[in-house]
Each structure stands twice: as structure tokens, then as C-alpha cells.
Amino acid sequence: MNATVQKTAAHPDEWKARLELAACYRVFAMLGWTEMIYNHITVRLPDSVTGGQKQFLINPFGLHYSEVTASNLVKIDLQGQVLDGSLYPVNPAGFTVHAALHDGLPDAHCVMHTHTTTGMAVACTQSGLAQNNFYSAQLHELVAYHDFEGITVHADEAPRLLKNIGDKPLVILRNHGLLAWAKTLPLAFVRLWTLQRACDVQMAQAAMGPAIGVSEAVARKTTWDSFQFDAQFGAGQDVFDALVRQVDKIDISYQN
């Protein structure tokens, strides 16, 4: 039996973070954003839990997203060292990129990474994300690019990654996949969902001939007018909550 963290032993703020993250893994599973046991969603624990130390929650390596629960999430430091006594392993390749963002970007409370088929397909194209649909038009100047350097196990890639990201909240890792970060998990999610939908539409459209482009002026206006990332409108919280309710109809075991 692998050691897990129980609700009665956890700080209330840590348990809240565990519940939200575990629910997010189940949302990803419901949406089909999984890659067997690979890829990760990580969150930084609040200072009320850590006393200002940088500590994070990550999925236990070896479990499918549909098996992740609040109690079996693993608490680690920036080096990926386990802090909560869990006997589950942590994937070093998975946390290298996440650690770079959590450490280098003050607002990177949550980091998400996927290998969806359409996301990877767009990441493999020379031109990247096309400004030709409703969803990509909402991401004007919000997407960064980082060239493929192989499996992400080498910490020396971090400075180049951070330089390429700058302050853009979405990243297309060329030849690799999609990444999002934000100050909250729901905001990271709704940003990634929008990028994913843009990739879905782009790949479907590509088989149908030349696309109608969206001008830079219209894309800028569309991004400005898009309310889903705005804190005044929940910054993704309502969307995330709605999807968690769908998960709850299927399986509430993530709450364990």
C-alpha cells in the first residue's frame, strides 16, 4: 500500500488544493486529454501551508489520470523530492519543465501540459497556430513557442524555456505539445481549453482547403473582448466548476 495523505492530517488549504487538482485530473480524463500514465498538472501550495517554501502537488507516476485522488497526489519540492512520505514515484521528465515555470514565473501557481493529437500536430507545423478561427483569435499575442530539445530531463533547458515564454500564458512546445500556466488552476484550464479548441478547429479546417484569415486588428479586438479570462467573470472558475459537476455524475472517488 502506497502512503497517502488523509484529509484529517492535512492543512485545510492543502486539502482544498488537493481536491481541486484531483478533480482537474478527472476532468482531463473525461475530455480525453490523457497520454497513458504520462504528462502532468501541477499546483503550488499556498504559503499558509508551506510557510513561504516552494512546494507543489503532482500526480503519482504510474497512475492513469482517472486514478488520481486528493489523497494520493504527491507533495514535492522544486527538485522533485517527495515531502509527504508518499511511496509513489515522481516522473523527473515531467517535473523539469513545471519546476522551471513554478520557480521562474511568480504567477505560475498552476502548470498544465498535454500531448493531445491536434495539439501536437499544430506544434509540428512550421507556422504554428493559425489566426483563422474563433478560438485562436482570442489568443492574440498570448502564445509563446519553444523549440524541441528532446525529452525534458535536463535542467539547463530552463533558462531558454523561460526566455522564450516571457510573460505569455500559453506555450506551444514545438514537436511536443501544449502548455498553460496561470495564477489559478481554473484560469490555466480555460486558457488551455481555448488553445486546444483552436488546434482542433485548425486541424479540421486544414483538410478543407485555404482558410479565411483573421486580421491582426480583429484578433486583437477579439482577445480584448473575450471575457472568459477576465477575473470579473470568474476567470474560468464557472467553466471548471461545470465540468467538475460532470465528473461528479460519473465518479466522485477523486475526493478520497
Protein backbone atom coordinates (compact mmCIF):
# COMPACT_ATOMS: atom_id res chain seq x y z
CA MET A 1 0.00 0.00 0.00
CA ASN A 2 1.42 3.38 -1.00
CA ALA A 3 1.37 6.02 1.72
CA THR A 4 -1.26 8.69 1.12
CA VAL A 5 -2.21 11.97 2.79
CA GLN A 6 -5.56 11.85 4.56
CA LYS A 7 -7.90 14.80 4.96
CA THR A 8 -7.67 14.71 8.76
CA ALA A 9 -3.88 15.07 8.63
CA ALA A 10 -3.70 17.82 6.02
CA HIS A 11 -3.91 21.59 6.44
CA PRO A 12 -7.38 22.72 5.22
CA ASP A 13 -5.81 24.85 2.48
CA GLU A 14 -3.72 21.90 1.32
CA TRP A 15 -6.74 19.63 1.21
CA LYS A 16 -8.65 22.25 -0.80
CA ALA A 17 -5.78 22.37 -3.31
CA ARG A 18 -5.66 18.57 -3.42
CA LEU A 19 -9.39 18.33 -4.15
CA GLU A 20 -9.23 20.90 -6.92
CA LEU A 21 -6.21 19.31 -8.57
CA ALA A 22 -7.58 15.77 -8.29
CA ALA A 23 -10.82 16.98 -9.86
CA CYS A 24 -8.83 18.56 -12.68
CA TYR A 25 -7.09 15.27 -13.45
CA ARG A 26 -10.52 13.64 -13.73
CA VAL A 27 -11.73 16.46 -16.00
CA PHE A 28 -8.74 15.86 -18.27
CA ALA A 29 -9.55 12.14 -18.31
CA MET A 30 -13.18 12.89 -19.17
CA LEU A 31 -12.07 15.14 -22.05
CA GLY A 32 -9.60 12.55 -23.35
CA TRP A 33 -6.58 14.75 -22.65
CA THR A 34 -4.54 11.81 -21.37
CA GLU A 35 -1.38 10.04 -22.51
CA MET A 36 -1.46 6.72 -20.63
CA ILE A 37 0.41 7.49 -17.36
CA TYR A 38 2.32 10.47 -18.73
CA ASN A 39 2.01 14.27 -18.58
CA HIS A 40 1.22 16.38 -15.56
CA ILE A 41 -0.82 19.12 -13.96
CA THR A 42 0.94 20.73 -11.01
CA VAL A 43 -0.04 23.36 -8.48
CA ARG A 44 1.97 25.32 -5.96
CA LEU A 45 0.69 25.03 -2.41
CA PRO A 46 -0.22 28.33 -0.70
CA ASP A 47 2.11 29.98 1.80
CA SER A 48 -0.43 29.25 4.54
CA VAL A 49 0.58 25.61 4.12
CA THR A 50 4.28 25.89 3.34
CA GLY A 51 5.36 28.95 5.31
CA GLY A 52 6.73 30.50 2.13
CA GLN A 53 8.60 27.44 0.89
CA LYS A 54 8.00 26.40 -2.71
CA GLN A 55 6.09 23.13 -2.53
CA PHE A 56 3.90 21.51 -5.16
CA LEU A 57 1.38 18.78 -5.81
CA ILE A 58 1.85 16.37 -8.72
CA ASN A 59 0.24 13.14 -9.88
CA PRO A 60 1.72 9.83 -8.70
CA PHE A 61 3.76 8.43 -11.58
CA GLY A 62 2.30 5.16 -12.77
CA LEU A 63 -1.36 6.04 -12.28
CA HIS A 64 -3.77 6.99 -15.03
CA TYR A 65 -5.44 10.37 -14.59
CA SER A 66 -8.69 8.54 -13.79
CA GLU A 67 -6.96 7.00 -10.75
CA VAL A 68 -5.70 10.24 -9.20
CA THR A 69 -7.29 11.21 -5.88
CA ALA A 70 -6.85 14.04 -3.41
CA SER A 71 -5.01 11.76 -1.01
CA ASN A 72 -2.61 10.11 -3.46
CA LEU A 73 -1.30 13.31 -5.02
CA VAL A 74 2.37 13.70 -4.12
CA LYS A 75 3.83 16.79 -2.41
CA ILE A 76 7.29 17.68 -3.72
CA ASP A 77 9.85 20.49 -3.72
CA LEU A 78 11.49 22.21 -6.71
CA GLN A 79 13.91 19.32 -7.09
CA GLY A 80 11.08 16.82 -7.24
CA GLN A 81 11.89 15.39 -3.83
CA VAL A 82 8.92 13.84 -2.04
CA LEU A 83 7.90 15.74 1.09
CA ASP A 84 4.82 13.92 2.37
CA GLY A 85 6.05 10.37 2.82
CA SER A 86 4.36 9.11 -0.33
CA LEU A 87 5.82 5.91 -1.73
CA TYR A 88 4.65 6.76 -5.23
CA PRO A 89 7.42 7.79 -7.63
CA VAL A 90 7.58 11.16 -9.39
CA ASN A 91 8.42 11.40 -13.09
CA PRO A 92 11.60 13.52 -13.37
CA ALA A 93 10.97 14.30 -17.04
CA GLY A 94 7.54 15.54 -16.13
CA PHE A 95 8.53 17.97 -13.42
CA THR A 96 11.58 19.54 -15.11
CA VAL A 97 9.50 21.91 -17.24
CA HIS A 98 6.97 22.51 -14.48
CA ALA A 99 9.70 23.34 -11.95
CA ALA A 100 11.20 25.88 -14.34
CA LEU A 101 7.89 27.71 -14.66
CA HIS A 102 6.90 27.46 -11.00
CA ASP A 103 10.30 28.81 -9.97
CA GLY A 104 10.81 31.40 -12.70
CA LEU A 105 7.32 32.87 -13.13
CA PRO A 106 5.80 34.40 -9.96
CA ASP A 107 2.22 33.87 -11.16
CA ALA A 108 2.72 30.26 -12.26
CA HIS A 109 0.63 28.77 -9.47
CA CYS A 110 -0.65 26.08 -11.83
CA VAL A 111 1.08 24.50 -14.84
CA MET A 112 -0.62 22.12 -17.29
CA HIS A 113 0.89 20.13 -20.16
CA THR A 114 -0.78 17.91 -22.75
CA HIS A 115 0.09 15.67 -25.69
CA THR A 116 -3.27 15.76 -27.46
CA THR A 117 -3.20 14.68 -31.10
CA THR A 118 -4.30 18.00 -32.55
CA GLY A 119 -2.17 19.98 -30.12
CA MET A 120 0.92 18.02 -31.09
CA ALA A 121 0.03 18.24 -34.77
CA VAL A 122 -0.10 22.03 -34.64
CA ALA A 123 3.13 22.02 -32.62
CA CYS A 124 4.75 20.13 -35.50
CA THR A 125 3.77 22.68 -38.14
CA GLN A 126 6.24 25.29 -39.30
CA SER A 127 3.77 28.16 -38.92
CA GLY A 128 2.28 27.03 -35.60
CA LEU A 129 -1.12 28.28 -34.50
CA ALA A 130 -3.12 29.78 -37.37
CA GLN A 131 -5.02 33.00 -36.79
CA ASN A 132 -8.08 31.81 -38.64
CA ASN A 133 -10.78 30.75 -36.20
CA PHE A 134 -12.90 31.95 -33.31
CA TYR A 135 -10.67 30.36 -30.68
CA SER A 136 -7.24 31.27 -31.99
CA ALA A 137 -8.49 34.85 -32.43
CA GLN A 138 -8.95 35.02 -28.66
CA LEU A 139 -5.27 34.20 -28.12
CA HIS A 140 -3.63 37.07 -29.98
CA GLU A 141 -0.14 37.61 -28.55
CA LEU A 142 -0.81 35.15 -25.71
CA VAL A 143 1.07 32.19 -27.20
CA ALA A 144 4.81 31.60 -26.96
CA TYR A 145 6.92 28.99 -28.77
CA HIS A 146 9.82 26.88 -27.54
CA ASP A 147 11.91 24.66 -29.81
CA PHE A 148 12.15 20.94 -29.14
CA GLU A 149 15.32 19.90 -27.29
CA GLY A 150 14.45 16.26 -26.63
CA ILE A 151 12.96 14.67 -23.53
CA THR A 152 12.74 17.31 -20.83
CA VAL A 153 15.03 15.83 -18.21
CA HIS A 154 17.81 18.44 -18.34
CA ALA A 155 17.56 21.44 -16.01
CA ASP A 156 19.81 23.54 -18.27
CA GLU A 157 16.87 23.91 -20.68
CA ALA A 158 15.02 26.04 -18.11
CA PRO A 159 16.63 29.44 -18.91
CA ARG A 160 15.93 29.05 -22.63
CA LEU A 161 12.36 27.97 -21.93
CA LEU A 162 11.71 30.93 -19.64
CA LYS A 163 13.27 33.36 -22.12
CA ASN A 164 11.03 32.08 -24.90
CA ILE A 165 7.91 32.22 -22.72
CA GLY A 166 8.44 35.73 -21.45
CA ASP A 167 5.09 36.62 -19.92
CA LYS A 168 2.87 34.70 -22.36
CA PRO A 169 0.49 32.36 -20.54
CA LEU A 170 0.31 29.71 -23.26
CA VAL A 171 3.17 27.81 -24.85
CA ILE A 172 3.39 25.63 -27.92
CA LEU A 173 6.31 23.31 -27.31
CA ARG A 174 7.39 22.65 -30.88
CA ASN A 175 7.19 18.99 -31.97
CA HIS A 176 5.96 18.22 -28.47
CA GLY A 177 2.64 19.60 -27.19
CA LEU A 178 0.76 22.37 -25.41
CA LEU A 179 1.35 24.07 -22.07
CA ALA A 180 -0.54 26.61 -19.96
CA TRP A 181 0.20 28.39 -16.70
CA ALA A 182 -1.74 30.83 -14.54
CA LYS A 183 -2.22 32.17 -11.03
CA THR A 184 -5.19 29.84 -10.56
CA LEU A 185 -5.98 26.35 -11.78
CA PRO A 186 -9.31 27.30 -13.41
CA LEU A 187 -7.65 30.13 -15.35
CA ALA A 188 -4.89 27.82 -16.59
CA PHE A 189 -7.56 25.32 -17.59
CA VAL A 190 -9.75 27.71 -19.58
CA ARG A 191 -6.70 29.09 -21.36
CA LEU A 192 -5.54 25.59 -22.29
CA TRP A 193 -9.06 24.61 -23.35
CA THR A 194 -9.20 27.59 -25.71
CA LEU A 195 -5.83 26.73 -27.24
CA GLN A 196 -6.86 23.09 -27.57
CA ARG A 197 -10.11 24.05 -29.33
CA ALA A 198 -8.16 26.34 -31.65
CA CYS A 199 -5.91 23.41 -32.57
CA ASP A 200 -8.91 21.11 -33.06
CA VAL A 201 -10.53 23.56 -35.46
CA GLN A 202 -7.26 24.30 -37.26
CA MET A 203 -6.60 20.63 -37.97
CA ALA A 204 -10.18 20.04 -39.16
CA GLN A 205 -10.04 23.10 -41.41
CA ALA A 206 -6.66 22.17 -42.88
CA ALA A 207 -8.24 19.27 -44.74
CA MET A 208 -10.76 21.54 -46.43
CA GLY A 209 -8.57 23.95 -48.38
CA PRO A 210 -7.44 27.55 -47.83
CA ALA A 211 -8.72 29.24 -44.69
CA ILE A 212 -10.18 32.70 -44.22
CA GLY A 213 -7.63 34.57 -42.16
CA VAL A 214 -8.46 36.83 -39.23
CA SER A 215 -6.73 40.20 -39.40
CA GLU A 216 -4.43 41.29 -36.61
CA ALA A 217 -6.75 44.19 -35.77
CA VAL A 218 -9.76 41.90 -35.41
CA ALA A 219 -7.76 39.31 -33.46
CA ARG A 220 -6.53 41.99 -31.08
CA LYS A 221 -10.10 43.21 -30.58
CA THR A 222 -11.38 39.65 -30.12
CA THR A 223 -8.77 38.90 -27.47
CA TRP A 224 -9.58 42.16 -25.71
CA ASP A 225 -13.32 41.41 -25.76
CA SER A 226 -13.00 37.78 -24.67
CA PHE A 227 -14.48 37.61 -21.18
CA GLN A 228 -13.53 34.07 -20.22
CA PHE A 229 -10.06 35.01 -18.94
CA ASP A 230 -11.31 38.08 -17.05
CA ALA A 231 -11.39 37.95 -13.24
CA GLN A 232 -14.64 39.94 -13.31
CA PHE A 233 -16.27 36.96 -14.99
CA GLY A 234 -14.70 34.24 -12.87
CA ALA A 235 -11.54 33.69 -14.93
CA GLY A 236 -12.55 30.16 -15.79
CA GLN A 237 -13.99 29.21 -12.40
CA ASP A 238 -17.54 28.76 -13.67
CA VAL A 239 -16.36 26.65 -16.61
CA PHE A 240 -14.20 24.47 -14.39
CA ASP A 241 -16.95 24.06 -11.81
CA ALA A 242 -19.40 22.97 -14.52
CA LEU A 243 -17.00 20.28 -15.72
CA VAL A 244 -16.35 19.07 -12.19
CA ARG A 245 -20.11 18.61 -11.83
CA GLN A 246 -19.99 16.39 -14.89
CA VAL A 247 -17.18 14.38 -13.32
CA ASP A 248 -19.22 14.05 -10.13
CA LYS A 249 -22.01 12.38 -12.10
CA ILE A 250 -19.51 9.77 -13.30
CA ASP A 251 -17.23 9.09 -10.32
CA ILE A 252 -16.55 11.01 -7.09
CA SER A 253 -13.66 8.83 -6.00
CA TYR A 254 -11.21 11.69 -6.73
CA GLN A 255 -12.45 13.20 -3.46
CA ASN A 256 -10.90 10.35 -1.44
